[in-house]
């Protein structure tokens, strides 16, 4: 069994995201402690063990552990995955027992999937994707690496979400749409046309937000 998915393998949590901590507890993961910046507030009973700058020491002391990447921001998860995977850590996957995932869904490592999520047939979930509460991913979708899908978002069939894009809470993406890398779909947006890489769209129907220079 891959240690990333083995609930008997203890974990270090990067950050102090309360929902991620509670999901680890629900899954019976042994939380050794948190990795976060020295100035970050720790409101948990788990110790702060160090920061990213202490990665070599952390690897020596906790080589038996996997790491959980908790931030929502896609670019932050990408950076942290690069840092910790390069140091030799396994990136843990967390899937809430209240999620429904088709047996035909293909998942890469490091995904965090929250309660109420539905992932339908023949979809692919990339590396370190974060799918939040009650999001719905329908059939034949291709979800790229480090994508974040916020609560109650609906991604309909044959949609492609390219690497590091962010889909806001309650957004709806209509069938066959392509969302480019690093794009942002605003909360509640209804996406009826393809979205170019690096752009932000909002509204119903979704329109690009013009940047003021």
Protein backbone atom coordinates (compact mmCIF):
# COMPACT_ATOMS: atom_id res chain seq x y z
CA UNK A 1 0.00 0.00 0.00
CA UNK A 2 1.24 3.50 -0.87
CA UNK A 3 2.21 5.26 2.35
CA UNK A 4 0.44 8.40 1.14
CA UNK A 5 -2.88 6.60 1.50
CA UNK A 6 -2.05 4.44 4.51
CA UNK A 7 -3.85 5.73 7.60
CA UNK A 8 -1.24 4.08 9.80
CA UNK A 9 1.47 6.42 8.50
CA UNK A 10 1.78 9.55 10.71
CA UNK A 11 1.65 12.97 9.11
CA UNK A 12 3.12 16.44 9.35
CA UNK A 13 0.68 19.17 8.33
CA UNK A 14 2.05 22.14 6.42
CA UNK A 15 0.06 25.06 7.82
CA UNK A 16 -2.69 25.00 10.42
CA UNK A 17 -5.84 24.81 8.29
CA UNK A 18 -8.54 23.66 10.74
CA UNK A 19 -10.57 21.68 8.20
CA UNK A 20 -7.51 19.70 7.15
CA UNK A 21 -6.56 18.97 10.75
CA UNK A 22 -10.10 17.74 11.47
CA UNK A 23 -10.08 15.57 8.34
CA UNK A 24 -6.82 13.96 9.45
CA UNK A 25 -8.34 13.30 12.86
CA UNK A 26 -11.49 11.83 11.31
CA UNK A 27 -9.37 9.49 9.18
CA UNK A 28 -7.38 8.40 12.23
CA UNK A 29 -4.12 9.89 11.00
CA UNK A 30 -1.53 10.38 13.72
CA UNK A 31 -0.64 14.09 13.51
CA UNK A 32 2.92 14.62 14.71
CA UNK A 33 2.76 18.40 14.41
CA UNK A 34 2.62 21.44 12.14
CA UNK A 35 5.14 23.02 9.81
CA UNK A 36 4.60 26.77 9.45
CA UNK A 37 6.33 30.13 9.62
CA UNK A 38 7.48 31.22 13.04
CA UNK A 39 5.12 34.22 13.08
CA UNK A 40 2.06 32.14 12.18
CA UNK A 41 -0.53 31.71 14.94
CA UNK A 42 -1.02 28.14 16.15
CA UNK A 43 -4.47 27.69 17.66
CA UNK A 44 -4.21 23.91 17.89
CA UNK A 45 -2.96 21.45 20.47
CA UNK A 46 -0.37 20.18 17.99
CA UNK A 47 3.19 21.55 18.26
CA UNK A 48 4.81 23.69 15.60
CA UNK A 49 7.90 21.70 14.63
CA UNK A 50 9.57 24.19 12.35
CA UNK A 51 9.20 26.01 9.06
CA UNK A 52 10.14 25.32 5.44
CA UNK A 53 13.64 26.55 6.23
CA UNK A 54 14.08 23.58 8.60
CA UNK A 55 13.27 20.97 5.98
CA UNK A 56 16.57 19.09 6.19
CA UNK A 57 16.28 18.65 9.94
CA UNK A 58 12.59 17.76 9.64
CA UNK A 59 13.42 15.09 7.09
CA UNK A 60 16.05 13.56 9.36
CA UNK A 61 13.76 13.52 12.40
CA UNK A 62 10.53 12.47 10.67
CA UNK A 63 11.60 10.33 7.76
CA UNK A 64 8.81 7.87 8.64
CA UNK A 65 6.10 10.51 8.16
CA UNK A 66 4.16 11.84 5.17
CA UNK A 67 3.25 15.49 4.75
CA UNK A 68 -0.18 17.04 4.20
CA UNK A 69 -0.25 20.24 2.16
CA UNK A 70 -3.10 22.35 3.55
CA UNK A 71 -3.13 25.79 1.80
CA UNK A 72 -5.98 26.58 -0.61
CA UNK A 73 -3.92 28.64 -3.06
CA UNK A 74 -2.88 26.51 -6.06
CA UNK A 75 0.49 28.20 -6.50
CA UNK A 76 1.31 27.65 -2.82
CA UNK A 77 0.52 23.94 -3.06
CA UNK A 78 2.67 23.65 -6.17
CA UNK A 79 5.63 25.32 -4.46
CA UNK A 80 5.29 23.24 -1.30
CA UNK A 81 4.96 20.01 -3.26
CA UNK A 82 8.16 20.83 -5.14
CA UNK A 83 10.01 21.60 -1.90
CA UNK A 84 8.86 18.63 0.17
CA UNK A 85 8.79 16.00 -2.55
CA UNK A 86 12.33 17.02 -3.57
CA UNK A 87 13.40 16.55 0.06
CA UNK A 88 12.10 12.97 -0.08
CA UNK A 89 8.77 13.33 1.72
CA UNK A 90 5.70 11.46 0.57
CA UNK A 91 2.72 13.76 -0.01
CA UNK A 92 -0.32 12.35 1.79
CA UNK A 93 -3.71 12.00 0.14
CA UNK A 94 -6.84 12.66 2.22
CA UNK A 95 -10.33 11.60 1.14
CA UNK A 96 -13.31 12.16 3.41
CA UNK A 97 -15.47 9.02 3.82
CA UNK A 98 -18.46 11.18 2.93
CA UNK A 99 -17.16 11.74 -0.62
CA UNK A 100 -18.46 9.70 -3.56
CA UNK A 101 -15.82 8.85 -6.15
CA UNK A 102 -16.39 6.69 -9.22
CA UNK A 103 -14.20 3.57 -9.44
CA UNK A 104 -13.25 4.72 -12.94
CA UNK A 105 -11.83 8.00 -11.67
CA UNK A 106 -8.03 8.20 -11.98
CA UNK A 107 -6.29 10.12 -9.20
CA UNK A 108 -2.72 11.29 -8.91
CA UNK A 109 -1.09 11.60 -5.50
CA UNK A 110 -1.63 14.26 -2.87
CA UNK A 111 -5.30 15.10 -3.46
CA UNK A 112 -7.46 16.45 -0.61
CA UNK A 113 -11.15 15.63 -1.12
CA UNK A 114 -13.70 16.86 1.40
CA UNK A 115 -17.13 15.63 2.51
CA UNK A 116 -20.07 15.67 0.10
CA UNK A 117 -17.85 15.76 -2.98
CA UNK A 118 -19.05 13.78 -6.00
CA UNK A 119 -16.60 12.77 -8.74
CA UNK A 120 -18.29 10.94 -11.60
CA UNK A 121 -17.14 8.42 -14.19
CA UNK A 122 -13.95 8.54 -16.24
CA UNK A 123 -12.64 11.76 -14.73
CA UNK A 124 -8.99 12.41 -13.91
CA UNK A 125 -7.76 14.24 -10.81
CA UNK A 126 -4.22 15.63 -10.99
CA UNK A 127 -1.54 15.95 -8.37
CA UNK A 128 -2.30 17.80 -5.13
CA UNK A 129 -5.77 18.86 -6.25
CA UNK A 130 -8.04 20.25 -3.53
CA UNK A 131 -11.77 19.59 -3.87
CA UNK A 132 -13.80 21.32 -1.18
CA UNK A 133 -17.09 20.46 0.50
CA UNK A 134 -20.00 19.40 -1.76
CA UNK A 135 -18.27 20.21 -5.03
CA UNK A 136 -19.52 18.16 -7.98
CA UNK A 137 -17.25 16.96 -10.80
CA UNK A 138 -19.18 15.19 -13.53
CA UNK A 139 -18.11 12.59 -16.11
CA UNK A 140 -15.04 12.76 -18.35
CA UNK A 141 -13.48 15.80 -16.69
CA UNK A 142 -9.73 16.43 -16.69
CA UNK A 143 -8.64 18.26 -13.53
CA UNK A 144 -5.02 19.41 -13.77
CA UNK A 145 -2.34 19.55 -11.11
CA UNK A 146 -2.76 21.85 -8.08
CA UNK A 147 -6.29 22.92 -9.02
CA UNK A 148 -8.58 24.18 -6.23
CA UNK A 149 -12.33 23.66 -6.50
CA UNK A 150 -14.22 25.60 -3.82
CA UNK A 151 -17.38 24.45 -1.96
CA UNK A 152 -20.53 23.74 -3.99
CA UNK A 153 -18.89 24.36 -7.36
CA UNK A 154 -20.29 22.30 -10.25
CA UNK A 155 -17.98 21.13 -13.04
CA UNK A 156 -20.08 19.52 -15.75
CA UNK A 157 -19.07 16.81 -18.24
CA UNK A 158 -15.99 16.94 -20.49
CA UNK A 159 -14.57 20.04 -18.78
CA UNK A 160 -10.81 20.60 -18.62
CA UNK A 161 -9.35 22.57 -15.70
CA UNK A 162 -5.69 23.23 -16.47
CA UNK A 163 -2.92 23.34 -13.87
CA UNK A 164 -3.23 25.74 -10.92
CA UNK A 165 -6.62 27.17 -11.80
CA UNK A 166 -9.10 28.13 -9.07
CA UNK A 167 -12.86 27.59 -9.26
CA UNK A 168 -14.76 29.71 -6.74
CA UNK A 169 -17.59 28.67 -4.44
CA UNK A 170 -20.87 27.91 -6.18
CA UNK A 171 -19.47 28.43 -9.69
CA UNK A 172 -20.92 26.40 -12.55
CA UNK A 173 -18.82 25.38 -15.54
CA UNK A 174 -20.93 24.17 -18.47
CA UNK A 175 -20.07 21.02 -20.46
CA UNK A 176 -17.05 20.94 -22.73
CA UNK A 177 -15.43 24.12 -21.41
CA UNK A 178 -11.64 24.52 -21.16
CA UNK A 179 -10.25 26.62 -18.30
CA UNK A 180 -6.65 27.70 -18.87
CA UNK A 181 -3.75 27.37 -16.46
CA UNK A 182 -3.69 29.80 -13.52
CA UNK A 183 -7.16 31.12 -14.39
CA UNK A 184 -9.63 32.13 -11.67
CA UNK A 185 -13.38 31.52 -11.88
CA UNK A 186 -15.13 33.80 -9.42
CA UNK A 187 -17.65 32.63 -6.83
CA UNK A 188 -21.08 32.05 -8.35
CA UNK A 189 -19.89 32.53 -11.93
CA UNK A 190 -21.58 30.59 -14.74
CA UNK A 191 -18.95 29.76 -17.35
CA UNK A 192 -20.37 29.34 -20.85
CA UNK A 193 -17.19 29.80 -22.93
CA UNK A 194 -13.53 28.81 -22.70
CA UNK A 195 -11.37 30.82 -20.29
CA UNK A 196 -7.85 31.84 -21.30
CA UNK A 197 -4.84 31.06 -19.13
CA UNK A 198 -4.11 33.56 -16.38
CA UNK A 199 -7.42 35.41 -16.60
CA UNK A 200 -10.17 35.99 -14.04
CA UNK A 201 -13.84 35.65 -14.95
CA UNK A 202 -16.92 36.60 -12.91
CA UNK A 203 -20.67 36.86 -13.34
CA UNK A 204 -23.48 35.11 -15.24
CA UNK A 205 -22.52 34.57 -17.95
CA UNK A 206 -18.90 34.80 -16.85
CA UNK A 207 -16.86 37.65 -18.32
CA UNK A 208 -13.19 38.48 -18.00
CA UNK A 209 -12.26 41.05 -15.38
CA UNK A 210 -10.28 43.80 -17.07
CA UNK A 211 -7.11 44.71 -15.23
CA UNK A 212 -6.62 48.42 -14.52
CA UNK A 213 -3.08 49.52 -15.32
